[in-house]
Amino acid sequence: MSSRSRAASSPLIGADELAGLLGAVTVLDVRYRMGGGPSGPGEYAVGHVPGASYVDLDTALAGAPGSGGRHPLPEPGVFESAMRDAGVLDDGPVVVYDDWAGHAAARCWWLLRFHGHRDVRVLDGGWTAWTEADLPVEVGDGSGIRHAGTFVARPGAMAMVTAEEVPGVDVLIDARAAERYRGEVEPIDPVAGRIPGAVNVPTSANLSDDGRFLPAADLRALYDTAGASAAASVAVYCGSGVTAAHDVLALEVAGLRAALYPGSWSEWIADPHRPVERD
């Protein structure tokens, strides 16, 4: 059954389940490190899930930095082209993975869902879970492995909020580390602090010690303490809009829907008239 008629039952998939679906799903490798680190294409060439296509976060999953933040949403046409180049079908299931605790994978998951693809899942535990399970690994640059993609971008299928809409949100969640939320340090952006009224649920709280997402009931309890509920409007932000998608994904696992504020802190502080709160 196509993704147009049936959404995946869970936004997560285990390594063993994915291994049994290879050849029937499009797999995207979005390995990435914020602020530098191992080269994604280099890591991909050394080893990747068989048949996976590499997708670059900076060029495919984000637009150019500017007044809209450090990682604004890509133009729909750019994203559509990148997904087609990676072999994404308009009516075929997609699995996304990274080696960054699911942060880049969550961004890709959200973008695909936002642009209308209903059958997208994130590999729980990422590349580490795959290799720890001793599953097959493919090497090389992936030349010639991709089928022609047919994905059509239809923006608007997932909720998002603008800077102007943020003050009207019932529950605004800050997905950054606690010390950045409190305004004690700011290693990336020029201003420290948080959006007034935001509550902190750092992305690290979504995961167990093995790097996998907590069970749905545990995530529900976690976000319940932040005030998130089906009756409230909920939105999530982070530094640049990338890692906030991790909290949106965790909320989805918990059975709750949340909007993404794509510009996040880096856009918020671009206007000096917007208020800033610190402990």
C-alpha atoms as a PDB file:
ATOM      1  CA  MET A   1       0.000   0.000   0.000  1.00  0.00           C
ATOM      2  CA  SER A   2       1.365   3.411  -0.906  1.00  0.00           C
ATOM      3  CA  SER A   3       2.318   6.148   1.519  1.00  0.00           C
ATOM      4  CA  ARG A   4      -0.488   8.276   0.070  1.00  0.00           C
ATOM      5  CA  SER A   5      -3.063   5.955   1.653  1.00  0.00           C
ATOM      6  CA  ARG A   6      -1.264   4.744   4.749  1.00  0.00           C
ATOM      7  CA  ALA A   7       1.220   6.445   7.055  1.00  0.00           C
ATOM      8  CA  ALA A   8       3.871   4.410   8.837  1.00  0.00           C
ATOM      9  CA  SER A   9       2.572   3.191  12.196  1.00  0.00           C
ATOM     10  CA  SER A  10       5.604   4.574  14.026  1.00  0.00           C
ATOM     11  CA  PRO A  11       8.152   7.238  13.120  1.00  0.00           C
ATOM     12  CA  LEU A  12      10.922   4.881  14.313  1.00  0.00           C
ATOM     13  CA  ILE A  13      12.260   1.603  12.957  1.00  0.00           C
ATOM     14  CA  GLY A  14      14.709  -0.864  14.474  1.00  0.00           C
ATOM     15  CA  ALA A  15      17.869  -2.080  12.739  1.00  0.00           C
ATOM     16  CA  ASP A  16      16.666  -5.673  12.405  1.00  0.00           C
ATOM     17  CA  GLU A  17      13.376  -4.583  10.875  1.00  0.00           C
ATOM     18  CA  LEU A  18      15.156  -2.322   8.402  1.00  0.00           C
ATOM     19  CA  ALA A  19      17.503  -5.163   7.435  1.00  0.00           C
ATOM     20  CA  GLY A  20      14.464  -7.201   6.409  1.00  0.00           C
ATOM     21  CA  LEU A  21      13.145  -4.374   4.231  1.00  0.00           C
ATOM     22  CA  LEU A  22      16.283  -3.525   2.250  1.00  0.00           C
ATOM     23  CA  GLY A  23      15.402  -3.231  -1.404  1.00  0.00           C
ATOM     24  CA  ALA A  24      11.813  -2.311  -0.587  1.00  0.00           C
ATOM     25  CA  VAL A  25      12.571   1.029   1.074  1.00  0.00           C
ATOM     26  CA  THR A  26      14.632   4.063   0.138  1.00  0.00           C
ATOM     27  CA  VAL A  27      17.371   4.562   2.733  1.00  0.00           C
ATOM     28  CA  LEU A  28      18.943   7.971   3.294  1.00  0.00           C
ATOM     29  CA  ASP A  29      22.266   8.462   5.077  1.00  0.00           C
ATOM     30  CA  VAL A  30      22.358  11.973   6.574  1.00  0.00           C
ATOM     31  CA  ARG A  31      25.421  11.681   8.798  1.00  0.00           C
ATOM     32  CA  TYR A  32      26.474  15.124   9.936  1.00  0.00           C
ATOM     33  CA  ARG A  33      28.237  16.971  12.743  1.00  0.00           C
ATOM     34  CA  MET A  34      27.183  20.477  13.763  1.00  0.00           C
ATOM     35  CA  GLY A  35      30.215  22.760  13.819  1.00  0.00           C
ATOM     36  CA  GLY A  36      32.484  20.332  11.990  1.00  0.00           C
ATOM     37  CA  GLY A  37      33.591  16.761  12.594  1.00  0.00           C
ATOM     38  CA  PRO A  38      33.966  13.676  10.421  1.00  0.00           C
ATOM     39  CA  SER A  39      33.109  14.278   6.776  1.00  0.00           C
ATOM     40  CA  GLY A  40      29.677  12.880   5.975  1.00  0.00           C
ATOM     41  CA  PRO A  41      30.579  11.745   2.450  1.00  0.00           C
ATOM     42  CA  GLY A  42      33.847  10.323   3.745  1.00  0.00           C
ATOM     43  CA  GLU A  43      32.123   8.349   6.471  1.00  0.00           C
ATOM     44  CA  TYR A  44      29.526   7.185   3.962  1.00  0.00           C
ATOM     45  CA  ALA A  45      32.208   5.921   1.569  1.00  0.00           C
ATOM     46  CA  VAL A  46      33.873   3.938   4.355  1.00  0.00           C
ATOM     47  CA  GLY A  47      30.629   2.157   5.138  1.00  0.00           C
ATOM     48  CA  HIS A  48      26.869   2.608   4.940  1.00  0.00           C
ATOM     49  CA  VAL A  49      23.603   0.688   4.988  1.00  0.00           C
ATOM     50  CA  PRO A  50      23.431  -1.236   1.699  1.00  0.00           C
ATOM     51  CA  GLY A  51      21.673   0.780  -0.971  1.00  0.00           C
ATOM     52  CA  ALA A  52      21.573   3.994   1.065  1.00  0.00           C
ATOM     53  CA  SER A  53      21.990   7.360  -0.659  1.00  0.00           C
ATOM     54  CA  TYR A  54      23.981  10.099   1.031  1.00  0.00           C
ATOM     55  CA  VAL A  55      22.168  13.404   1.666  1.00  0.00           C
ATOM     56  CA  ASP A  56      24.054  16.518   2.761  1.00  0.00           C
ATOM     57  CA  LEU A  57      22.340  18.537   5.473  1.00  0.00           C
ATOM     58  CA  ASP A  58      23.842  21.916   4.570  1.00  0.00           C
ATOM     59  CA  THR A  59      22.910  21.812   0.888  1.00  0.00           C
ATOM     60  CA  ALA A  60      19.802  19.589   0.781  1.00  0.00           C
ATOM     61  CA  LEU A  61      18.152  20.024   4.183  1.00  0.00           C
ATOM     62  CA  ALA A  62      18.765  23.735   4.785  1.00  0.00           C
ATOM     63  CA  GLY A  63      18.894  27.012   2.930  1.00  0.00           C
ATOM     64  CA  ALA A  64      21.649  29.587   3.065  1.00  0.00           C
ATOM     65  CA  PRO A  65      22.221  31.249   6.468  1.00  0.00           C
ATOM     66  CA  GLY A  66      20.768  34.716   6.845  1.00  0.00           C
ATOM     67  CA  SER A  67      18.112  36.703   8.652  1.00  0.00           C
ATOM     68  CA  GLY A  68      16.002  33.535   8.764  1.00  0.00           C
ATOM     69  CA  GLY A  69      18.579  31.772  10.914  1.00  0.00           C
ATOM     70  CA  ARG A  70      21.614  29.547  10.534  1.00  0.00           C
ATOM     71  CA  HIS A  71      19.709  26.637   8.987  1.00  0.00           C
ATOM     72  CA  PRO A  72      16.518  27.987   7.409  1.00  0.00           C
ATOM     73  CA  LEU A  73      14.271  25.618   5.522  1.00  0.00           C
ATOM     74  CA  PRO A  74      15.425  24.809   1.988  1.00  0.00           C
ATOM     75  CA  GLU A  75      13.388  26.055  -0.929  1.00  0.00           C
ATOM     76  CA  PRO A  76      10.813  23.373  -1.858  1.00  0.00           C
ATOM     77  CA  GLY A  77      12.283  22.986  -5.332  1.00  0.00           C
ATOM     78  CA  VAL A  78      15.790  22.482  -3.953  1.00  0.00           C
ATOM     79  CA  PHE A  79      14.547  19.904  -1.456  1.00  0.00           C
ATOM     80  CA  GLU A  80      12.464  18.094  -4.061  1.00  0.00           C
ATOM     81  CA  SER A  81      15.437  17.873  -6.405  1.00  0.00           C
ATOM     82  CA  ALA A  82      17.717  16.566  -3.651  1.00  0.00           C
ATOM     83  CA  MET A  83      15.208  13.900  -2.656  1.00  0.00           C
ATOM     84  CA  ARG A  84      14.738  12.831  -6.263  1.00  0.00           C
ATOM     85  CA  ASP A  85      18.506  12.614  -6.698  1.00  0.00           C
ATOM     86  CA  ALA A  86      18.579  10.377  -3.609  1.00  0.00           C
ATOM     87  CA  GLY A  87      15.937   8.083  -5.135  1.00  0.00           C
ATOM     88  CA  VAL A  88      12.969   9.051  -2.954  1.00  0.00           C
ATOM     89  CA  LEU A  89       9.702   7.870  -4.454  1.00  0.00           C
ATOM     90  CA  ASP A  90       6.522   9.840  -4.024  1.00  0.00           C
ATOM     91  CA  ASP A  91       4.648   6.724  -2.915  1.00  0.00           C
ATOM     92  CA  GLY A  92       7.438   4.581  -1.434  1.00  0.00           C
ATOM     93  CA  PRO A  93       8.628   4.207   2.164  1.00  0.00           C
ATOM     94  CA  VAL A  94      11.753   6.025   3.335  1.00  0.00           C
ATOM     95  CA  VAL A  95      14.122   5.332   6.253  1.00  0.00           C
ATOM     96  CA  VAL A  96      16.610   7.952   7.419  1.00  0.00           C
ATOM     97  CA  TYR A  97      19.641   7.490   9.667  1.00  0.00           C
ATOM     98  CA  ASP A  98      22.674   9.351  10.985  1.00  0.00           C
ATOM     99  CA  ASP A  99      25.397   8.978  13.605  1.00  0.00           C
ATOM    100  CA  TRP A 100      24.446  12.099  15.546  1.00  0.00           C
ATOM    101  CA  ALA A 101      21.895  10.693  18.008  1.00  0.00           C
ATOM    102  CA  GLY A 102      19.135  11.133  15.431  1.00  0.00           C
ATOM    103  CA  HIS A 103      19.396  14.918  15.139  1.00  0.00           C
ATOM    104  CA  ALA A 104      20.107  15.162  11.403  1.00  0.00           C
ATOM    105  CA  ALA A 105      17.823  12.203  10.690  1.00  0.00           C
ATOM    106  CA  ALA A 106      14.981  13.931  12.550  1.00  0.00           C
ATOM    107  CA  ARG A 107      15.506  17.043  10.419  1.00  0.00           C
ATOM    108  CA  CYS A 108      15.232  14.990   7.230  1.00  0.00           C
ATOM    109  CA  TRP A 109      12.215  13.103   8.618  1.00  0.00           C
ATOM    110  CA  TRP A 110      10.478  16.388   9.419  1.00  0.00           C
ATOM    111  CA  LEU A 111      11.249  17.939   6.047  1.00  0.00           C
ATOM    112  CA  LEU A 112       9.918  14.932   4.162  1.00  0.00           C
ATOM    113  CA  ARG A 113       6.787  14.887   6.295  1.00  0.00           C
ATOM    114  CA  PHE A 114       6.384  18.671   5.984  1.00  0.00           C
ATOM    115  CA  HIS A 115       6.626  18.374   2.213  1.00  0.00           C
ATOM    116  CA  GLY A 116       3.892  15.741   2.095  1.00  0.00           C
ATOM    117  CA  HIS A 117       5.611  12.342   2.324  1.00  0.00           C
ATOM    118  CA  ARG A 118       3.662  10.227   4.810  1.00  0.00           C
ATOM    119  CA  ASP A 119       5.799   7.076   5.102  1.00  0.00           C
ATOM    120  CA  VAL A 120       9.091   8.176   6.649  1.00  0.00           C
ATOM    121  CA  ARG A 121      10.867   6.590   9.598  1.00  0.00           C
ATOM    122  CA  VAL A 122      14.081   7.193  11.501  1.00  0.00           C
ATOM    123  CA  LEU A 123      16.454   4.328  12.274  1.00  0.00           C
ATOM    124  CA  ASP A 124      16.376   4.134  16.065  1.00  0.00           C
ATOM    125  CA  GLY A 125      19.952   4.199  17.321  1.00  0.00           C
ATOM    126  CA  GLY A 126      21.240   5.208  13.889  1.00  0.00           C
ATOM    127  CA  TRP A 127      24.436   3.927  12.340  1.00  0.00           C
ATOM    128  CA  THR A 128      25.657   2.667  15.710  1.00  0.00           C
ATOM    129  CA  ALA A 129      22.625   0.396  16.101  1.00  0.00           C
ATOM    130  CA  TRP A 130      23.189  -0.966  12.591  1.00  0.00           C
ATOM    131  CA  THR A 131      26.847  -1.827  13.127  1.00  0.00           C
ATOM    132  CA  GLU A 132      26.307  -3.160  16.654  1.00  0.00           C
ATOM    133  CA  ALA A 133      23.762  -5.586  15.213  1.00  0.00           C
ATOM    134  CA  ASP A 134      26.504  -6.848  12.854  1.00  0.00           C
ATOM    135  CA  LEU A 135      24.333  -6.168   9.822  1.00  0.00           C
ATOM    136  CA  PRO A 136      25.692  -5.887   6.262  1.00  0.00           C
ATOM    137  CA  VAL A 137      27.755  -2.820   5.389  1.00  0.00           C
ATOM    138  CA  GLU A 138      28.361  -1.452   1.908  1.00  0.00           C
ATOM    139  CA  VAL A 139      31.403   0.636   0.963  1.00  0.00           C
ATOM    140  CA  GLY A 140      32.031   3.118  -1.833  1.00  0.00           C
ATOM    141  CA  ASP A 141      30.521   6.387  -3.007  1.00  0.00           C
ATOM    142  CA  GLY A 142      27.199   4.860  -4.031  1.00  0.00           C
ATOM    143  CA  SER A 143      27.592   5.604  -7.734  1.00  0.00           C
ATOM    144  CA  GLY A 144      24.945   3.900  -9.796  1.00  0.00           C
ATOM    145  CA  ILE A 145      22.883   2.492  -6.925  1.00  0.00           C
ATOM    146  CA  ARG A 146      20.012   4.951  -7.084  1.00  0.00           C
ATOM    147  CA  HIS A 147      16.738   4.485  -8.874  1.00  0.00           C
ATOM    148  CA  ALA A 148      15.023   7.551 -10.296  1.00  0.00           C
ATOM    149  CA  GLY A 149      13.165   9.507  -7.639  1.00  0.00           C
ATOM    150  CA  THR A 150       9.605  10.734  -8.171  1.00  0.00           C
ATOM    151  CA  PHE A 151       9.058  12.717  -4.974  1.00  0.00           C
ATOM    152  CA  VAL A 152       6.910  15.838  -5.321  1.00  0.00           C
ATOM    153  CA  ALA A 153       7.269  18.493  -2.599  1.00  0.00           C
ATOM    154  CA  ARG A 154       3.939  19.686  -1.211  1.00  0.00           C
ATOM    155  CA  PRO A 155       4.851  22.043   1.662  1.00  0.00           C
ATOM    156  CA  GLY A 156       2.598  22.445   4.669  1.00  0.00           C
ATOM    157  CA  ALA A 157       1.788  18.917   5.810  1.00  0.00           C
ATOM    158  CA  MET A 158       3.484  19.412   9.203  1.00  0.00           C
ATOM    159  CA  ALA A 159       2.886  22.367  11.497  1.00  0.00           C
ATOM    160  CA  MET A 160       5.384  25.188  11.778  1.00  0.00           C
ATOM    161  CA  VAL A 161       5.337  28.617  13.379  1.00  0.00           C
ATOM    162  CA  THR A 162       6.978  31.903  12.497  1.00  0.00           C
ATOM    163  CA  ALA A 163       8.714  34.281  14.889  1.00  0.00           C
ATOM    164  CA  GLU A 164       5.553  36.388  14.949  1.00  0.00           C
ATOM    165  CA  GLU A 165       3.437  33.384  15.927  1.00  0.00           C
ATOM    166  CA  VAL A 166       5.745  32.119  18.691  1.00  0.00           C
ATOM    167  CA  PRO A 167       4.316  34.342  21.473  1.00  0.00           C
ATOM    168  CA  GLY A 168       0.855  32.847  20.889  1.00  0.00           C
ATOM    169  CA  VAL A 169       1.952  29.233  21.440  1.00  0.00           C
ATOM    170  CA  ASP A 170       0.644  27.579  24.624  1.00  0.00           C
ATOM    171  CA  VAL A 171       3.782  25.521  25.262  1.00  0.00           C
ATOM    172  CA  LEU A 172       7.094  26.569  23.735  1.00  0.00           C
ATOM    173  CA  ILE A 173       9.854  23.972  24.140  1.00  0.00           C
ATOM    174  CA  ASP A 174      13.557  24.804  23.950  1.00  0.00           C
ATOM    175  CA  ALA A 175      15.445  21.709  22.764  1.00  0.00           C
ATOM    176  CA  ARG A 176      18.946  23.000  23.539  1.00  0.00           C
ATOM    177  CA  ALA A 177      21.227  21.899  26.356  1.00  0.00           C
ATOM    178  CA  ALA A 178      20.189  23.232  29.763  1.00  0.00           C
ATOM    179  CA  GLU A 179      23.126  25.610  30.129  1.00  0.00           C
ATOM    180  CA  ARG A 180      22.290  27.283  26.823  1.00  0.00           C
ATOM    181  CA  TYR A 181      18.614  27.475  27.786  1.00  0.00           C
ATOM    182  CA  ARG A 182      19.535  29.183  31.042  1.00  0.00           C
ATOM    183  CA  GLY A 183      21.771  31.636  29.185  1.00  0.00           C
ATOM    184  CA  GLU A 184      24.915  30.611  31.056  1.00  0.00           C
ATOM    185  CA  VAL A 185      26.851  29.883  27.867  1.00  0.00           C
ATOM    186  CA  GLU A 186      26.308  30.359  24.156  1.00  0.00           C
ATOM    187  CA  PRO A 187      28.961  28.640  22.039  1.00  0.00           C
ATOM    188  CA  ILE A 188      27.414  29.368  18.639  1.00  0.00           C
ATOM    189  CA  ASP A 189      25.069  32.340  18.516  1.00  0.00           C
ATOM    190  CA  PRO A 190      26.045  35.928  19.432  1.00  0.00           C
ATOM    191  CA  VAL A 191      23.409  36.315  22.166  1.00  0.00           C
ATOM    192  CA  ALA A 192      22.821  33.986  25.117  1.00  0.00           C
ATOM    193  CA  GLY A 193      19.438  33.246  26.625  1.00  0.00           C
ATOM    194  CA  ARG A 194      16.053  31.903  25.603  1.00  0.00           C
ATOM    195  CA  ILE A 195      12.712  32.991  24.223  1.00  0.00           C
ATOM    196  CA  PRO A 196      10.619  34.226  27.172  1.00  0.00           C
ATOM    197  CA  GLY A 197       8.272  31.610  28.590  1.00  0.00           C
ATOM    198  CA  ALA A 198      10.010  28.641  26.976  1.00  0.00           C
ATOM    199  CA  VAL A 199      10.462  25.394  28.899  1.00  0.00           C
ATOM    200  CA  ASN A 200      13.516  23.207  28.437  1.00  0.00           C
ATOM    201  CA  VAL A 201      13.460  19.623  27.177  1.00  0.00           C
ATOM    202  CA  PRO A 202      16.983  19.004  25.828  1.00  0.00           C
ATOM    203  CA  THR A 203      17.176  16.436  23.058  1.00  0.00           C
ATOM    204  CA  SER A 204      19.419  14.252  25.219  1.00  0.00           C
ATOM    205  CA  ALA A 205      16.417  13.630  27.486  1.00  0.00           C
ATOM    206  CA  ASN A 206      14.660  11.808  24.624  1.00  0.00           C
ATOM    207  CA  LEU A 207      17.215   8.999  24.560  1.00  0.00           C
ATOM    208  CA  SER A 208      18.180   6.080  26.748  1.00  0.00           C
ATOM    209  CA  ASP A 209      21.791   5.244  27.551  1.00  0.00           C
ATOM    210  CA  ASP A 210      22.079   3.112  24.398  1.00  0.00           C
ATOM    211  CA  GLY A 211      21.226   6.061  22.161  1.00  0.00           C
ATOM    212  CA  ARG A 212      17.736   4.864  21.298  1.00  0.00           C
ATOM    213  CA  PHE A 213      14.542   6.783  21.924  1.00  0.00           C
ATOM    214  CA  LEU A 214      12.765   6.173  25.204  1.00  0.00           C
ATOM    215  CA  PRO A 215       9.533   4.167  25.106  1.00  0.00           C
ATOM    216  CA  ALA A 216       6.438   6.133  24.145  1.00  0.00           C
ATOM    217  CA  ALA A 217       5.038   6.117  27.682  1.00  0.00           C
ATOM    218  CA  ASP A 218       8.286   7.518  29.093  1.00  0.00           C
ATOM    219  CA  LEU A 219       8.396  10.235  26.456  1.00  0.00           C
ATOM    220  CA  ARG A 220       4.790  11.098  27.178  1.00  0.00           C
ATOM    221  CA  ALA A 221       5.626  11.501  30.861  1.00  0.00           C
ATOM    222  CA  LEU A 222       8.679  13.610  30.026  1.00  0.00           C
ATOM    223  CA  TYR A 223       6.726  16.048  27.914  1.00  0.00           C
ATOM    224  CA  ASP A 224       3.784  16.039  30.282  1.00  0.00           C
ATOM    225  CA  THR A 225       6.048  17.686  32.851  1.00  0.00           C
ATOM    226  CA  ALA A 226       6.714  20.413  30.267  1.00  0.00           C
ATOM    227  CA  GLY A 227       2.994  20.996  29.845  1.00  0.00           C
ATOM    228  CA  ALA A 228       2.669  19.421  26.401  1.00  0.00           C
ATOM    229  CA  SER A 229      -0.710  17.818  25.768  1.00  0.00           C
ATOM    230  CA  ALA A 230      -3.168  17.187  22.985  1.00  0.00           C
ATOM    231  CA  ALA A 231      -5.207  20.122  24.247  1.00  0.00           C
ATOM    232  CA  ALA A 232      -2.344  22.618  24.030  1.00  0.00           C
ATOM    233  CA  SER A 233      -0.608  24.192  21.066  1.00  0.00           C
ATOM    234  CA  VAL A 234       3.032  23.083  21.252  1.00  0.00           C
ATOM    235  CA  ALA A 235       6.051  24.350  19.315  1.00  0.00           C
ATOM    236  CA  VAL A 236       9.750  23.519  19.519  1.00  0.00           C
ATOM    237  CA  TYR A 237      12.874  25.542  18.789  1.00  0.00           C
ATOM    238  CA  CYS A 238      16.624  25.089  19.226  1.00  0.00           C
ATOM    239  CA  GLY A 239      19.642  27.060  18.074  1.00  0.00           C
ATOM    240  CA  SER A 240      19.150  26.894  14.307  1.00  0.00           C
ATOM    241  CA  GLY A 241      16.065  24.741  13.783  1.00  0.00           C
ATOM    242  CA  VAL A 242      17.859  21.432  13.159  1.00  0.00           C
ATOM    243  CA  THR A 243      17.912  19.687  16.525  1.00  0.00           C
ATOM    244  CA  ALA A 244      14.437  20.978  17.425  1.00  0.00           C
ATOM    245  CA  ALA A 245      13.104  18.361  15.003  1.00  0.00           C
ATOM    246  CA  HIS A 246      14.433  15.731  17.445  1.00  0.00           C
ATOM    247  CA  ASP A 247      11.926  16.905  20.073  1.00  0.00           C
ATOM    248  CA  VAL A 248       9.164  17.036  17.453  1.00  0.00           C
ATOM    249  CA  LEU A 249       9.996  13.423  16.570  1.00  0.00           C
ATOM    250  CA  ALA A 250      10.023  12.393  20.242  1.00  0.00           C
ATOM    251  CA  LEU A 251       6.641  14.053  20.735  1.00  0.00           C
ATOM    252  CA  GLU A 252       5.328  12.149  17.711  1.00  0.00           C
ATOM    253  CA  VAL A 253       6.546   8.885  19.265  1.00  0.00           C
ATOM    254  CA  ALA A 254       4.670   9.924  22.418  1.00  0.00           C
ATOM    255  CA  GLY A 255       1.507  10.476  20.425  1.00  0.00           C
ATOM    256  CA  LEU A 256       1.623  14.277  20.525  1.00  0.00           C
ATOM    257  CA  ARG A 257       1.871  16.742  17.675  1.00  0.00           C
ATOM    258  CA  ALA A 258       4.106  19.800  17.815  1.00  0.00           C
ATOM    259  CA  ALA A 259       5.000  22.590  15.436  1.00  0.00           C
ATOM    260  CA  LEU A 260       8.571  23.452  14.522  1.00  0.00           C
ATOM    261  CA  TYR A 261       9.918  26.990  14.716  1.00  0.00           C
ATOM    262  CA  PRO A 262      12.442  26.666  11.853  1.00  0.00           C
ATOM    263  CA  GLY A 263      14.322  29.931  12.426  1.00  0.00           C
ATOM    264  CA  SER A 264      14.739  29.141  16.127  1.00  0.00           C
ATOM    265  CA  TRP A 265      17.095  31.095  18.394  1.00  0.00           C
ATOM    266  CA  SER A 266      19.398  32.217  15.582  1.00  0.00           C
ATOM    267  CA  GLU A 267      16.501  33.962  13.839  1.00  0.00           C
ATOM    268  CA  TRP A 268      14.875  35.213  17.049  1.00  0.00           C
ATOM    269  CA  ILE A 269      17.939  37.199  18.100  1.00  0.00           C
ATOM    270  CA  ALA A 270      18.468  38.660  14.613  1.00  0.00           C
ATOM    271  CA  ASP A 271      15.884  41.261  15.586  1.00  0.00           C
ATOM    272  CA  PRO A 272      17.229  43.190  18.613  1.00  0.00           C
ATOM    273  CA  HIS A 273      13.698  44.248  19.547  1.00  0.00           C
ATOM    274  CA  ARG A 274      12.648  40.683  20.376  1.00  0.00           C
ATOM    275  CA  PRO A 275      12.791  39.934  24.110  1.00  0.00           C
ATOM    276  CA  VAL A 276      15.376  37.607  25.625  1.00  0.00           C
ATOM    277  CA  GLU A 277      15.156  35.826  28.969  1.00  0.00           C
ATOM    278  CA  ARG A 278      17.984  34.471  31.136  1.00  0.00           C
ATOM    279  CA  ASP A 279      18.228  32.908  34.581  1.00  0.00           C
END
